[in-house]
Amino acid sequence: MPRQALETLLSFIQNYKSKDLKAIGIDLLKCLSQMKPAFDALKVANSEEKKPFAVMDPETELTCRKMAGLFFESLPSGVIQMYAIVTIPTVRNTYSATPSILLSVLCR
């Protein structure tokens, strides 16, 4: 939830100077549907230029979103999973749990 809130705030900051409510609404719908990172990746892949009203270019926006995903999703879930391995004896005794959790953290 914090990642979505940060992405929505970032999207609003990116578009607030445009004064186009339709563009702001479409961008916020992309955030709420959790499709905004895919649209940002498409912008970067198509080498789109920075819009005159935008605060940052598409590469910087994509990087900010990826960092938000890392800090608000991947790291906390990894900490919770590692806590489960350390504290629950039945999980600790399985040899597949630790590599599985490490791979899930590294591949996000």
N, C-alpha and C. Protein backbone atom coordinates (compact mmCIF):
# COMPACT_ATOMS: atom_id res chain seq x y z
N MET A 1 0.80 -1.20 0.00
CA MET A 1 0.00 0.00 0.00
C MET A 1 0.85 1.28 0.00
N PRO A 2 1.96 1.33 0.77
CA PRO A 2 2.78 2.55 0.71
C PRO A 2 3.37 2.79 -0.68
N ARG A 3 3.69 1.71 -1.38
CA ARG A 3 4.26 1.86 -2.72
C ARG A 3 3.24 2.50 -3.65
N GLN A 4 1.98 2.06 -3.56
CA GLN A 4 0.94 2.62 -4.42
C GLN A 4 0.71 4.09 -4.08
N ALA A 5 0.74 4.42 -2.82
CA ALA A 5 0.55 5.81 -2.42
C ALA A 5 1.71 6.67 -2.94
N LEU A 6 2.93 6.14 -2.85
CA LEU A 6 4.08 6.89 -3.35
C LEU A 6 4.04 7.03 -4.87
N GLU A 7 3.61 5.97 -5.57
CA GLU A 7 3.49 6.05 -7.03
C GLU A 7 2.41 7.06 -7.43
N THR A 8 1.30 7.08 -6.71
CA THR A 8 0.24 8.04 -7.01
C THR A 8 0.71 9.46 -6.77
N LEU A 9 1.42 9.68 -5.68
CA LEU A 9 1.97 11.01 -5.40
C LEU A 9 2.98 11.42 -6.46
N LEU A 10 3.84 10.49 -6.85
CA LEU A 10 4.83 10.76 -7.89
C LEU A 10 4.15 11.10 -9.22
N SER A 11 3.08 10.39 -9.53
CA SER A 11 2.34 10.64 -10.76
C SER A 11 1.67 12.02 -10.73
N PHE A 12 1.13 12.40 -9.59
CA PHE A 12 0.52 13.71 -9.48
C PHE A 12 1.56 14.81 -9.61
N ILE A 13 2.71 14.63 -8.95
CA ILE A 13 3.78 15.63 -9.04
C ILE A 13 4.28 15.76 -10.47
N GLN A 14 4.35 14.62 -11.17
CA GLN A 14 4.84 14.63 -12.55
C GLN A 14 3.90 15.40 -13.48
N ASN A 15 2.60 15.40 -13.18
CA ASN A 15 1.62 15.97 -14.11
C ASN A 15 0.91 17.23 -13.62
N TYR A 16 1.22 17.71 -12.42
CA TYR A 16 0.41 18.81 -11.89
C TYR A 16 0.58 20.11 -12.67
N LYS A 17 1.70 20.31 -13.33
CA LYS A 17 1.91 21.54 -14.10
C LYS A 17 1.17 21.53 -15.43
N SER A 18 0.69 20.38 -15.87
CA SER A 18 0.06 20.31 -17.19
C SER A 18 -1.32 20.97 -17.21
N LYS A 19 -1.97 21.06 -16.07
CA LYS A 19 -3.31 21.65 -15.94
C LYS A 19 -4.36 20.89 -16.77
N ASP A 20 -4.00 19.71 -17.27
CA ASP A 20 -4.93 18.89 -18.05
C ASP A 20 -5.48 17.81 -17.12
N LEU A 21 -6.71 18.00 -16.67
CA LEU A 21 -7.29 17.07 -15.71
C LEU A 21 -7.47 15.68 -16.31
N LYS A 22 -7.70 15.59 -17.60
CA LYS A 22 -7.86 14.29 -18.24
C LYS A 22 -6.56 13.50 -18.18
N ALA A 23 -5.44 14.16 -18.47
CA ALA A 23 -4.14 13.49 -18.43
C ALA A 23 -3.80 13.06 -17.00
N ILE A 24 -4.11 13.92 -16.04
CA ILE A 24 -3.86 13.57 -14.64
C ILE A 24 -4.72 12.38 -14.23
N GLY A 25 -5.99 12.39 -14.63
CA GLY A 25 -6.89 11.29 -14.30
C GLY A 25 -6.46 9.97 -14.92
N ILE A 26 -6.04 10.01 -16.17
CA ILE A 26 -5.58 8.79 -16.83
C ILE A 26 -4.33 8.25 -16.15
N ASP A 27 -3.42 9.13 -15.79
CA ASP A 27 -2.20 8.70 -15.11
C ASP A 27 -2.51 8.12 -13.74
N LEU A 28 -3.44 8.72 -13.02
CA LEU A 28 -3.82 8.18 -11.71
C LEU A 28 -4.53 6.84 -11.85
N LEU A 29 -5.33 6.65 -12.89
CA LEU A 29 -5.95 5.35 -13.12
C LEU A 29 -4.89 4.28 -13.43
N LYS A 30 -3.87 4.66 -14.16
CA LYS A 30 -2.77 3.72 -14.41
C LYS A 30 -2.11 3.30 -13.09
N CYS A 31 -1.96 4.25 -12.18
CA CYS A 31 -1.37 3.93 -10.87
C CYS A 31 -2.27 3.02 -10.06
N LEU A 32 -3.56 3.35 -10.02
CA LEU A 32 -4.49 2.55 -9.23
C LEU A 32 -4.69 1.15 -9.78
N SER A 33 -4.54 0.99 -11.10
CA SER A 33 -4.65 -0.34 -11.69
C SER A 33 -3.32 -1.10 -11.63
N GLN A 34 -2.30 -0.46 -11.07
CA GLN A 34 -0.95 -1.02 -10.91
C GLN A 34 -0.29 -1.34 -12.25
N MET A 35 -0.66 -0.61 -13.28
CA MET A 35 -0.06 -0.79 -14.60
C MET A 35 0.94 0.32 -14.94
N LYS A 36 1.12 1.27 -14.04
CA LYS A 36 2.00 2.41 -14.31
C LYS A 36 3.45 2.00 -14.59
N PRO A 37 4.03 1.04 -13.86
CA PRO A 37 5.41 0.65 -14.21
C PRO A 37 5.53 0.10 -15.63
N ALA A 38 4.52 -0.59 -16.11
CA ALA A 38 4.56 -1.10 -17.49
C ALA A 38 4.51 0.05 -18.49
N PHE A 39 3.68 1.04 -18.24
CA PHE A 39 3.62 2.20 -19.13
C PHE A 39 4.93 3.00 -19.09
N ASP A 40 5.53 3.10 -17.90
CA ASP A 40 6.82 3.79 -17.79
C ASP A 40 7.91 3.05 -18.55
N ALA A 41 7.91 1.72 -18.46
CA ALA A 41 8.89 0.93 -19.19
C ALA A 41 8.70 1.09 -20.70
N LEU A 42 7.45 1.20 -21.13
CA LEU A 42 7.17 1.42 -22.55
C LEU A 42 7.70 2.79 -23.00
N LYS A 43 7.54 3.80 -22.15
CA LYS A 43 8.08 5.12 -22.48
C LYS A 43 9.60 5.08 -22.63
N VAL A 44 10.24 4.37 -21.73
CA VAL A 44 11.70 4.27 -21.78
C VAL A 44 12.14 3.47 -23.01
N ALA A 45 11.43 2.39 -23.31
CA ALA A 45 11.78 1.56 -24.46
C ALA A 45 11.59 2.32 -25.78
N ASN A 46 10.60 3.21 -25.84
CA ASN A 46 10.36 4.00 -27.04
C ASN A 46 11.18 5.28 -27.08
N SER A 47 12.02 5.49 -26.10
CA SER A 47 12.89 6.67 -26.00
C SER A 47 12.10 7.97 -26.07
N GLU A 48 11.00 8.03 -25.33
CA GLU A 48 10.21 9.26 -25.31
C GLU A 48 10.98 10.37 -24.61
N GLU A 49 10.80 11.56 -25.10
CA GLU A 49 11.45 12.74 -24.52
C GLU A 49 10.64 13.24 -23.32
N LYS A 50 11.28 14.04 -22.52
CA LYS A 50 10.62 14.66 -21.37
C LYS A 50 9.62 15.68 -21.87
N LYS A 51 8.41 15.62 -21.32
CA LYS A 51 7.38 16.59 -21.70
C LYS A 51 7.72 17.94 -21.06
N PRO A 52 7.29 19.04 -21.68
CA PRO A 52 7.68 20.37 -21.16
C PRO A 52 7.18 20.63 -19.74
N PHE A 53 6.06 20.06 -19.37
CA PHE A 53 5.51 20.31 -18.04
C PHE A 53 5.99 19.29 -17.01
N ALA A 54 6.65 18.23 -17.44
CA ALA A 54 7.05 17.15 -16.54
C ALA A 54 8.21 17.58 -15.65
N VAL A 55 8.24 17.02 -14.47
CA VAL A 55 9.29 17.33 -13.51
C VAL A 55 10.55 16.52 -13.81
N MET A 56 10.37 15.28 -14.28
CA MET A 56 11.52 14.42 -14.57
C MET A 56 11.31 13.66 -15.87
N ASP A 57 12.40 13.17 -16.42
CA ASP A 57 12.32 12.42 -17.67
C ASP A 57 11.85 10.99 -17.39
N PRO A 58 11.43 10.24 -18.42
CA PRO A 58 10.89 8.90 -18.21
C PRO A 58 11.86 7.93 -17.52
N GLU A 59 13.16 8.03 -17.80
CA GLU A 59 14.12 7.13 -17.15
C GLU A 59 14.18 7.36 -15.65
N THR A 60 14.18 8.62 -15.24
CA THR A 60 14.22 8.94 -13.82
C THR A 60 12.93 8.52 -13.13
N GLU A 61 11.81 8.72 -13.81
CA GLU A 61 10.52 8.31 -13.24
C GLU A 61 10.47 6.80 -13.04
N LEU A 62 10.93 6.04 -14.03
CA LEU A 62 10.95 4.59 -13.91
C LEU A 62 11.88 4.15 -12.78
N THR A 63 13.03 4.79 -12.66
CA THR A 63 13.96 4.45 -11.59
C THR A 63 13.36 4.72 -10.22
N CYS A 64 12.66 5.84 -10.08
CA CYS A 64 12.01 6.16 -8.80
C CYS A 64 10.95 5.12 -8.45
N ARG A 65 10.19 4.69 -9.43
CA ARG A 65 9.17 3.67 -9.18
C ARG A 65 9.79 2.33 -8.80
N LYS A 66 10.88 1.97 -9.46
CA LYS A 66 11.55 0.71 -9.14
C LYS A 66 12.14 0.76 -7.73
N MET A 67 12.69 1.90 -7.34
CA MET A 67 13.23 2.03 -5.98
C MET A 67 12.12 1.96 -4.94
N ALA A 68 10.96 2.55 -5.24
CA ALA A 68 9.83 2.46 -4.32
C ALA A 68 9.39 1.01 -4.17
N GLY A 69 9.36 0.27 -5.27
CA GLY A 69 9.00 -1.15 -5.20
C GLY A 69 9.99 -1.95 -4.38
N LEU A 70 11.26 -1.62 -4.51
CA LEU A 70 12.29 -2.32 -3.76
C LEU A 70 12.16 -2.05 -2.26
N PHE A 71 12.05 -0.78 -1.89
CA PHE A 71 12.04 -0.43 -0.48
C PHE A 71 10.72 -0.72 0.23
N PHE A 72 9.61 -0.70 -0.50
CA PHE A 72 8.32 -0.90 0.16
C PHE A 72 7.72 -2.28 -0.06
N GLU A 73 8.31 -3.12 -0.91
CA GLU A 73 7.78 -4.46 -1.13
C GLU A 73 8.83 -5.54 -0.94
N SER A 74 9.88 -5.51 -1.71
CA SER A 74 10.85 -6.61 -1.72
C SER A 74 11.58 -6.75 -0.39
N LEU A 75 12.13 -5.68 0.11
CA LEU A 75 12.89 -5.78 1.36
C LEU A 75 12.02 -6.17 2.56
N PRO A 76 10.85 -5.55 2.77
CA PRO A 76 10.03 -5.98 3.90
C PRO A 76 9.56 -7.44 3.79
N SER A 77 9.20 -7.88 2.58
CA SER A 77 8.76 -9.27 2.46
C SER A 77 9.92 -10.22 2.70
N GLY A 78 11.12 -9.85 2.29
CA GLY A 78 12.29 -10.68 2.57
C GLY A 78 12.59 -10.77 4.06
N VAL A 79 12.45 -9.65 4.75
CA VAL A 79 12.68 -9.65 6.20
C VAL A 79 11.65 -10.53 6.90
N ILE A 80 10.40 -10.44 6.51
CA ILE A 80 9.35 -11.26 7.13
C ILE A 80 9.59 -12.74 6.85
N GLN A 81 9.99 -13.07 5.64
CA GLN A 81 10.25 -14.47 5.30
C GLN A 81 11.46 -15.01 6.06
N MET A 82 12.49 -14.21 6.17
CA MET A 82 13.66 -14.66 6.93
C MET A 82 13.34 -14.80 8.41
N TYR A 83 12.49 -13.93 8.93
CA TYR A 83 12.05 -14.05 10.32
C TYR A 83 11.30 -15.37 10.53
N ALA A 84 10.48 -15.75 9.55
CA ALA A 84 9.76 -17.02 9.64
C ALA A 84 10.73 -18.20 9.64
N ILE A 85 11.78 -18.14 8.86
CA ILE A 85 12.76 -19.23 8.84
C ILE A 85 13.46 -19.35 10.19
N VAL A 86 13.81 -18.22 10.77
CA VAL A 86 14.57 -18.24 12.02
C VAL A 86 13.70 -18.69 13.19
N THR A 87 12.44 -18.28 13.22
CA THR A 87 11.63 -18.53 14.42
C THR A 87 10.79 -19.80 14.36
N ILE A 88 10.42 -20.29 13.21
CA ILE A 88 9.55 -21.47 13.13
C ILE A 88 10.43 -22.70 12.88
N PRO A 89 10.44 -23.63 13.82
CA PRO A 89 11.36 -24.77 13.69
C PRO A 89 11.04 -25.67 12.49
N THR A 90 9.79 -25.82 12.13
CA THR A 90 9.48 -26.71 11.01
C THR A 90 9.96 -26.13 9.68
N VAL A 91 9.95 -24.82 9.57
CA VAL A 91 10.44 -24.18 8.35
C VAL A 91 11.97 -24.18 8.34
N ARG A 92 12.57 -24.01 9.50
CA ARG A 92 14.02 -23.95 9.60
C ARG A 92 14.67 -25.27 9.18
N ASN A 93 13.98 -26.39 9.40
CA ASN A 93 14.55 -27.69 9.09
C ASN A 93 14.43 -28.09 7.62
N THR A 94 13.72 -27.31 6.82
CA THR A 94 13.63 -27.64 5.40
C THR A 94 14.78 -26.97 4.67
N TYR A 95 15.38 -27.72 3.75
CA TYR A 95 16.54 -27.20 3.02
C TYR A 95 16.13 -26.34 1.82
N SER A 96 14.87 -26.41 1.43
CA SER A 96 14.44 -25.65 0.26
C SER A 96 13.93 -24.26 0.62
N ALA A 97 13.64 -24.00 1.88
CA ALA A 97 13.05 -22.71 2.26
C ALA A 97 14.02 -21.56 2.09
N THR A 98 15.24 -21.70 2.57
CA THR A 98 16.20 -20.60 2.52
C THR A 98 16.57 -20.20 1.09
N PRO A 99 16.94 -21.15 0.22
CA PRO A 99 17.23 -20.73 -1.16
C PRO A 99 16.01 -20.14 -1.87
N SER A 100 14.84 -20.67 -1.57
CA SER A 100 13.62 -20.15 -2.19
C SER A 100 13.38 -18.71 -1.80
N ILE A 101 13.55 -18.39 -0.54
CA ILE A 101 13.34 -17.02 -0.07
C ILE A 101 14.42 -16.09 -0.62
N LEU A 102 15.66 -16.55 -0.64
CA LEU A 102 16.73 -15.71 -1.19
C LEU A 102 16.50 -15.43 -2.67
N LEU A 103 16.05 -16.42 -3.43
CA LEU A 103 15.77 -16.19 -4.85
C LEU A 103 14.58 -15.26 -5.04
N SER A 104 13.57 -15.39 -4.19
CA SER A 104 12.40 -14.50 -4.35
C SER A 104 12.77 -13.05 -4.05
N VAL A 105 13.69 -12.83 -3.12
CA VAL A 105 14.13 -11.48 -2.80
C VAL A 105 15.00 -10.92 -3.93
N LEU A 106 15.91 -11.75 -4.45
CA LEU A 106 16.85 -11.28 -5.47
C LEU A 106 16.20 -11.07 -6.82
N CYS A 107 15.15 -11.82 -7.14
CA CYS A 107 14.56 -11.75 -8.48
C CYS A 107 13.45 -10.73 -8.62
N ARG A 108 13.15 -10.00 -7.59
CA ARG A 108 12.07 -9.01 -7.71
C ARG A 108 12.54 -7.77 -8.35
